[in-house]
Amino acid sequence: MKIAMVGLGKMGANMTERLLGAGHQVVAYDLSADARAAVGAMGAIVADDLDDLARKLEPPRAVWVMVPAGAPTDSTIAALAERFAKGDVIVDGGNSNYKEAKATAERLGHKGIGFVDAGTSGGVWGLTEGYCLMVGGTKESVAVVEPALRTLAPEGGYAHVGPVGAGHFVKMVHNGVEYGLMQAYAEGFEIMQAASEFDLDLHEIASIWRYGSVVRSWLLELTERALRPGSDFEEISGNVTDSGEGRWTVEEAIERAIPAPVISAALYTRFASRQSDSFANRLLAALRNQFGGHAVTLESGQQGLETSTPTN
């Protein structure tokens, strides 16, 4: 099929390459001239702007938007809507909030334009391994872009999971689960790292766990890669960011009164990783000193004096 790709970052460029490799025609656009030139060299039809992109597609026109969630995605979809017509389809493949999907679909629906929210997982490995696609939308809209969906996904890795919003909802929960899995691996390996009496080879352990173990997974394979000798693991900062979907998953759990302690704890641990000298921990140390006379460590590294009579 012929489909446009707007946004040629790591994900968009790799998806373009995967589509081209399967014989699809891709009309590609990005604000970066270098990004456009790179996919043009792969065989993509390069568009100079969104007007040019719309002209280079034939009805029913289909475009995949792969730009950062929020304002960039909203403005891109709005601009495309001005250039598209009844029967055309716009796919949002970014990490947008599922609650916004219905409103977007309604706005596009006034012009008869279809909307598909495609939760996309696979990262930089998607080019070779394929992307897991969790898709929401009407059957009619999904059918227009299904040839591309089946190419982008590996065998068994694509599903039309429900109406508009369902795709991004499932992807949101997927990322929340990812937080919990990653945290469990991180904690387990830290416990083993602390057991200095055994002199454990953590890379070797990550490697053997990939075979036959009940905890094997793709994330474990990535753990093995991260711990390989020469991977510069020791140079990596412990500051862990979050993309927002973990927060949304926790908020959703609260709204639906669903206990989600693992995902919540993993999210809060990411917050804690960004605090080199947290106020809360300083207050905890001060309180222990106040009620129990426990020593505190001062900024100078010296031990502080007891300020009350020890009680426990």
Protein backbone atom coordinates (compact mmCIF):
# COMPACT_ATOMS: atom_id res chain seq x y z
CA MET A 1 0.00 0.00 0.00
CA LYS A 2 0.95 3.67 -0.13
CA ILE A 3 1.15 5.39 3.25
CA ALA A 4 2.72 8.56 4.57
CA MET A 5 5.00 8.80 7.61
CA VAL A 6 5.20 12.10 9.46
CA GLY A 7 8.05 12.15 11.97
CA LEU A 8 11.32 10.50 11.04
CA GLY A 9 13.06 10.08 14.37
CA LYS A 10 14.44 6.69 15.43
CA MET A 11 11.00 5.06 15.44
CA GLY A 12 9.55 6.77 12.39
CA ALA A 13 12.65 6.24 10.26
CA ASN A 14 12.92 2.57 11.22
CA MET A 15 9.23 1.99 10.54
CA THR A 16 9.64 3.65 7.16
CA GLU A 17 12.56 1.35 6.37
CA ARG A 18 10.60 -1.75 7.43
CA LEU A 19 7.64 -0.73 5.25
CA LEU A 20 9.87 -0.02 2.26
CA GLY A 21 11.61 -3.36 2.71
CA ALA A 22 8.25 -5.12 2.34
CA GLY A 23 7.42 -3.30 -0.89
CA HIS A 24 5.13 -0.56 0.42
CA GLN A 25 5.40 2.99 -0.89
CA VAL A 26 6.10 5.55 1.83
CA VAL A 27 5.68 9.30 1.47
CA ALA A 28 7.91 10.70 4.20
CA TYR A 29 8.05 14.08 5.91
CA ASP A 30 9.97 15.56 8.82
CA LEU A 31 10.94 19.09 9.80
CA SER A 32 14.59 17.99 9.48
CA ALA A 33 15.97 18.10 5.95
CA ASP A 34 18.65 15.58 6.97
CA ALA A 35 16.00 13.13 8.18
CA ARG A 36 14.09 13.51 4.92
CA ALA A 37 17.24 12.93 2.91
CA ALA A 38 18.11 9.80 4.90
CA VAL A 39 14.82 8.04 4.17
CA GLY A 40 14.89 9.34 0.61
CA ALA A 41 18.12 7.41 0.16
CA MET A 42 16.25 4.29 1.32
CA GLY A 43 13.66 4.74 -1.42
CA ALA A 44 10.96 6.79 0.32
CA ILE A 45 9.05 9.47 -1.58
CA VAL A 46 10.13 12.65 0.18
CA ALA A 47 7.57 15.41 0.79
CA ASP A 48 8.68 19.03 1.14
CA ASP A 49 5.78 19.90 3.46
CA LEU A 50 2.33 18.63 4.45
CA ASP A 51 0.70 20.10 1.34
CA ASP A 52 3.18 18.19 -0.81
CA LEU A 53 2.57 15.07 1.29
CA ALA A 54 -1.20 15.24 0.73
CA ARG A 55 -0.71 15.69 -3.02
CA LYS A 56 1.56 12.65 -3.26
CA LEU A 57 -1.06 10.29 -1.78
CA GLU A 58 -4.11 8.79 -3.49
CA PRO A 59 -7.55 8.29 -1.88
CA PRO A 60 -8.13 6.80 0.54
CA ARG A 61 -5.06 8.59 1.86
CA ALA A 62 -3.38 7.20 4.96
CA VAL A 63 -0.77 8.83 7.17
CA TRP A 64 1.07 7.59 10.24
CA VAL A 65 1.96 10.34 12.73
CA MET A 66 5.07 9.46 14.74
CA VAL A 67 5.97 12.65 16.59
CA PRO A 68 6.15 13.40 20.36
CA ALA A 69 2.85 13.12 22.23
CA GLY A 70 0.99 16.23 23.26
CA ALA A 71 1.12 19.52 21.37
CA PRO A 72 3.36 18.24 18.50
CA THR A 73 0.93 15.38 17.75
CA ASP A 74 -2.18 17.54 18.17
CA SER A 75 -0.91 20.28 15.86
CA THR A 76 0.25 17.77 13.25
CA ILE A 77 -3.11 15.98 13.19
CA ALA A 78 -4.94 19.32 12.98
CA ALA A 79 -2.77 20.40 10.04
CA LEU A 80 -3.32 17.09 8.25
CA ALA A 81 -7.08 17.35 8.81
CA GLU A 82 -7.09 20.60 6.84
CA ARG A 83 -5.58 18.78 3.87
CA PHE A 84 -7.43 15.46 4.08
CA ALA A 85 -10.98 14.54 3.09
CA LYS A 86 -13.72 11.97 3.63
CA GLY A 87 -12.43 8.40 3.62
CA ASP A 88 -8.84 9.32 4.50
CA VAL A 89 -7.28 7.91 7.69
CA ILE A 90 -4.86 9.37 10.23
CA VAL A 91 -2.94 7.04 12.57
CA ASP A 92 -1.45 8.28 15.83
CA GLY A 93 1.37 5.88 16.68
CA GLY A 94 2.86 7.89 19.55
CA ASN A 95 2.36 7.60 23.30
CA SER A 96 -0.71 9.84 23.47
CA ASN A 97 -3.15 9.77 26.37
CA TYR A 98 -6.05 7.49 25.48
CA LYS A 99 -8.52 9.98 26.95
CA GLU A 100 -7.74 12.40 24.13
CA ALA A 101 -8.37 9.88 21.36
CA LYS A 102 -12.17 10.09 21.37
CA ALA A 103 -12.17 13.89 21.05
CA THR A 104 -9.63 13.68 18.23
CA ALA A 105 -11.73 11.08 16.41
CA GLU A 106 -14.84 13.24 16.78
CA ARG A 107 -13.11 16.31 15.34
CA LEU A 108 -11.83 14.32 12.37
CA GLY A 109 -15.20 12.59 11.99
CA HIS A 110 -16.88 15.90 11.15
CA LYS A 111 -14.96 15.75 7.87
CA GLY A 112 -15.39 12.01 7.45
CA ILE A 113 -11.72 11.37 8.24
CA GLY A 114 -10.98 8.15 10.08
CA PHE A 115 -8.74 7.97 13.15
CA VAL A 116 -6.71 5.04 14.44
CA ASP A 117 -4.78 5.04 17.72
CA ALA A 118 -1.92 2.58 17.44
CA GLY A 119 -0.08 1.70 20.62
CA THR A 120 3.39 0.84 19.40
CA SER A 121 6.06 -1.12 21.27
CA GLY A 122 9.41 -2.31 20.00
CA GLY A 123 11.75 0.64 20.29
CA VAL A 124 14.91 0.68 18.22
CA TRP A 125 14.69 -3.11 17.79
CA GLY A 126 11.43 -2.87 15.90
CA LEU A 127 13.16 -2.52 12.55
CA THR A 128 14.43 -6.10 12.65
CA GLU A 129 12.16 -7.73 15.23
CA GLY A 130 8.89 -5.99 14.35
CA TYR A 131 6.60 -3.80 16.44
CA CYS A 132 3.88 -5.01 18.79
CA LEU A 133 0.82 -3.04 17.68
CA MET A 134 -2.25 -2.50 19.87
CA VAL A 135 -4.78 -0.74 17.64
CA GLY A 136 -8.01 1.13 18.36
CA GLY A 137 -10.53 2.48 15.86
CA THR A 138 -13.47 1.50 13.68
CA LYS A 139 -13.21 -1.61 11.54
CA GLU A 140 -13.43 0.55 8.43
CA SER A 141 -10.56 2.84 9.39
CA VAL A 142 -8.33 0.00 10.59
CA ALA A 143 -8.96 -1.90 7.34
CA VAL A 144 -7.49 0.99 5.32
CA VAL A 145 -4.12 0.75 7.07
CA GLU A 146 -4.10 -2.96 7.94
CA PRO A 147 -1.59 -3.95 5.21
CA ALA A 148 0.94 -1.63 6.84
CA LEU A 149 0.05 -2.84 10.33
CA ARG A 150 0.67 -6.46 9.37
CA THR A 151 4.03 -5.53 7.84
CA LEU A 152 5.20 -3.53 10.85
CA ALA A 153 4.24 -6.25 13.35
CA PRO A 154 5.91 -9.66 13.68
CA GLU A 155 3.76 -12.77 13.31
CA GLY A 156 1.11 -12.66 16.02
CA GLY A 157 2.16 -9.19 17.20
CA TYR A 158 -0.79 -7.13 15.95
CA ALA A 159 -4.38 -6.90 17.18
CA HIS A 160 -7.34 -4.58 16.69
CA VAL A 161 -8.06 -4.40 20.42
CA GLY A 162 -11.19 -2.22 20.41
CA PRO A 163 -12.77 1.13 19.52
CA VAL A 164 -11.01 4.49 19.39
CA GLY A 165 -8.87 4.95 22.50
CA ALA A 166 -8.43 1.23 23.20
CA GLY A 167 -5.06 1.09 21.46
CA HIS A 168 -3.47 3.82 23.53
CA PHE A 169 -5.16 2.51 26.69
CA VAL A 170 -3.63 -0.96 26.25
CA LYS A 171 -0.23 0.59 25.42
CA MET A 172 -0.46 2.72 28.58
CA VAL A 173 -1.00 -0.36 30.75
CA HIS A 174 1.72 -2.19 28.80
CA ASN A 175 4.20 0.52 29.80
CA GLY A 176 3.05 0.39 33.41
CA VAL A 177 3.73 -3.35 33.45
CA GLU A 178 7.11 -2.63 31.87
CA TYR A 179 7.97 -0.33 34.80
CA GLY A 180 7.25 -3.13 37.26
CA LEU A 181 9.22 -5.76 35.36
CA MET A 182 12.24 -3.51 34.97
CA GLN A 183 12.16 -2.61 38.67
CA ALA A 184 12.05 -6.28 39.70
CA TYR A 185 15.09 -7.10 37.57
CA ALA A 186 16.95 -4.05 38.89
CA GLU A 187 16.27 -4.92 42.53
CA GLY A 188 17.17 -8.58 42.12
CA PHE A 189 20.49 -7.81 40.46
CA GLU A 190 21.31 -5.20 43.09
CA ILE A 191 20.76 -7.78 45.85
CA MET A 192 23.16 -10.13 44.07
CA GLN A 193 25.65 -7.33 43.49
CA ALA A 194 25.66 -6.64 47.23
CA ALA A 195 26.48 -10.29 48.06
CA SER A 196 30.22 -9.68 47.77
CA GLU A 197 31.06 -12.92 49.60
CA PHE A 198 30.03 -14.91 46.52
CA ASP A 199 31.82 -12.77 43.91
CA LEU A 200 28.93 -13.31 41.49
CA ASP A 201 29.31 -12.68 37.77
CA LEU A 202 26.11 -10.74 37.12
CA HIS A 203 26.51 -10.83 33.36
CA GLU A 204 26.84 -14.60 33.43
CA ILE A 205 23.74 -14.89 35.60
CA ALA A 206 21.73 -12.65 33.28
CA SER A 207 22.94 -14.79 30.40
CA ILE A 208 21.94 -18.17 31.83
CA TRP A 209 18.57 -16.88 33.04
CA ARG A 210 17.64 -16.36 29.39
CA TYR A 211 17.49 -20.13 28.86
CA GLY A 212 14.84 -22.24 30.54
CA SER A 213 14.23 -19.84 33.43
CA VAL A 214 10.67 -18.82 34.28
CA VAL A 215 11.84 -15.17 34.46
CA ARG A 216 13.27 -15.10 30.94
CA SER A 217 12.06 -12.24 28.75
CA TRP A 218 13.20 -9.70 26.18
CA LEU A 219 13.92 -7.27 29.03
CA LEU A 220 16.24 -9.90 30.51
CA GLU A 221 18.01 -10.17 27.16
CA LEU A 222 18.54 -6.41 27.29
CA THR A 223 19.80 -6.77 30.88
CA GLU A 224 22.39 -9.25 29.64
CA ARG A 225 23.48 -6.76 26.96
CA ALA A 226 23.70 -3.91 29.48
CA LEU A 227 25.92 -5.96 31.81
CA ARG A 228 28.32 -7.26 29.15
CA PRO A 229 32.01 -6.49 29.75
CA GLY A 230 32.93 -3.31 27.89
CA SER A 231 29.35 -2.00 27.82
CA ASP A 232 30.33 1.05 29.94
CA PHE A 233 27.61 0.15 32.45
CA GLU A 234 29.64 1.75 35.26
CA GLU A 235 29.47 5.10 33.45
CA ILE A 236 25.66 5.22 33.40
CA SER A 237 23.91 7.59 35.79
CA GLY A 238 21.22 6.18 38.10
CA ASN A 239 18.83 9.00 37.18
CA VAL A 240 15.78 7.27 35.65
CA THR A 241 13.16 9.32 33.81
CA ASP A 242 9.57 8.37 33.01
CA SER A 243 7.68 8.99 29.79
CA GLY A 244 4.33 9.67 31.46
CA GLU A 245 2.51 6.44 30.71
CA GLY A 246 3.53 4.89 34.02
CA ARG A 247 1.97 7.87 35.78
CA TRP A 248 -1.21 7.53 33.72
CA THR A 249 -1.42 3.83 34.58
CA VAL A 250 -1.20 4.58 38.31
CA GLU A 251 -3.78 7.38 37.95
CA GLU A 252 -6.07 4.97 36.10
CA ALA A 253 -5.69 2.38 38.84
CA ILE A 254 -6.66 5.00 41.43
CA GLU A 255 -9.69 6.13 39.41
CA ARG A 256 -10.89 2.54 39.06
CA ALA A 257 -9.96 1.58 42.66
CA ILE A 258 -7.63 -1.15 41.41
CA PRO A 259 -4.67 -1.93 43.69
CA ALA A 260 -1.44 -1.66 41.69
CA PRO A 261 1.33 -1.62 44.31
CA VAL A 262 4.11 -2.94 42.08
CA ILE A 263 3.60 -0.44 39.26
CA SER A 264 3.12 2.40 41.76
CA ALA A 265 6.30 1.52 43.65
CA ALA A 266 8.27 1.31 40.40
CA LEU A 267 7.07 4.79 39.41
CA TYR A 268 7.96 6.29 42.80
CA THR A 269 11.39 4.66 42.65
CA ARG A 270 12.02 6.52 39.40
CA PHE A 271 11.11 9.75 41.14
CA ALA A 272 13.51 8.92 43.98
CA SER A 273 16.34 8.22 41.52
CA ARG A 274 16.39 11.91 40.59
CA GLN A 275 16.94 13.15 44.13
CA SER A 276 20.58 13.19 45.11
CA ASP A 277 19.82 14.76 48.51
CA SER A 278 16.10 14.50 49.16
CA PHE A 279 14.42 16.73 51.73
CA ALA A 280 12.35 13.76 52.92
CA ASN A 281 15.42 11.64 53.66
CA ARG A 282 17.13 14.52 55.45
CA LEU A 283 14.02 14.97 57.60
CA LEU A 284 13.92 11.24 58.36
CA ALA A 285 17.51 11.38 59.57
CA ALA A 286 16.73 14.43 61.70
CA LEU A 287 13.68 12.76 63.26
CA ARG A 288 15.67 9.65 64.16
CA ASN A 289 18.14 11.95 65.85
CA GLN A 290 15.39 13.80 67.69
CA PHE A 291 13.55 10.81 69.15
CA GLY A 292 16.36 8.33 69.45
CA GLY A 293 19.56 10.29 69.53
CA HIS A 294 20.85 8.50 66.46
CA ALA A 295 23.82 10.15 64.83
CA VAL A 296 23.30 12.09 61.61
CA THR A 297 25.76 12.61 58.77
CA LEU A 298 26.49 16.26 58.09
CA GLU A 299 27.25 17.80 54.67
CA SER A 300 30.93 17.69 55.61
CA GLY A 301 30.69 13.90 55.99
CA GLN A 302 31.22 14.05 59.74
CA GLN A 303 28.86 12.44 62.23
CA GLY A 304 26.49 14.88 63.93
CA LEU A 305 26.01 15.08 67.71
CA GLU A 306 23.12 13.48 69.55
CA THR A 307 20.48 16.09 70.43
CA SER A 308 18.20 14.03 72.65
CA THR A 309 18.32 11.11 75.01
CA PRO A 310 18.33 7.78 73.13
CA THR A 311 15.06 5.88 73.51
CA ASN A 312 15.25 3.18 70.82
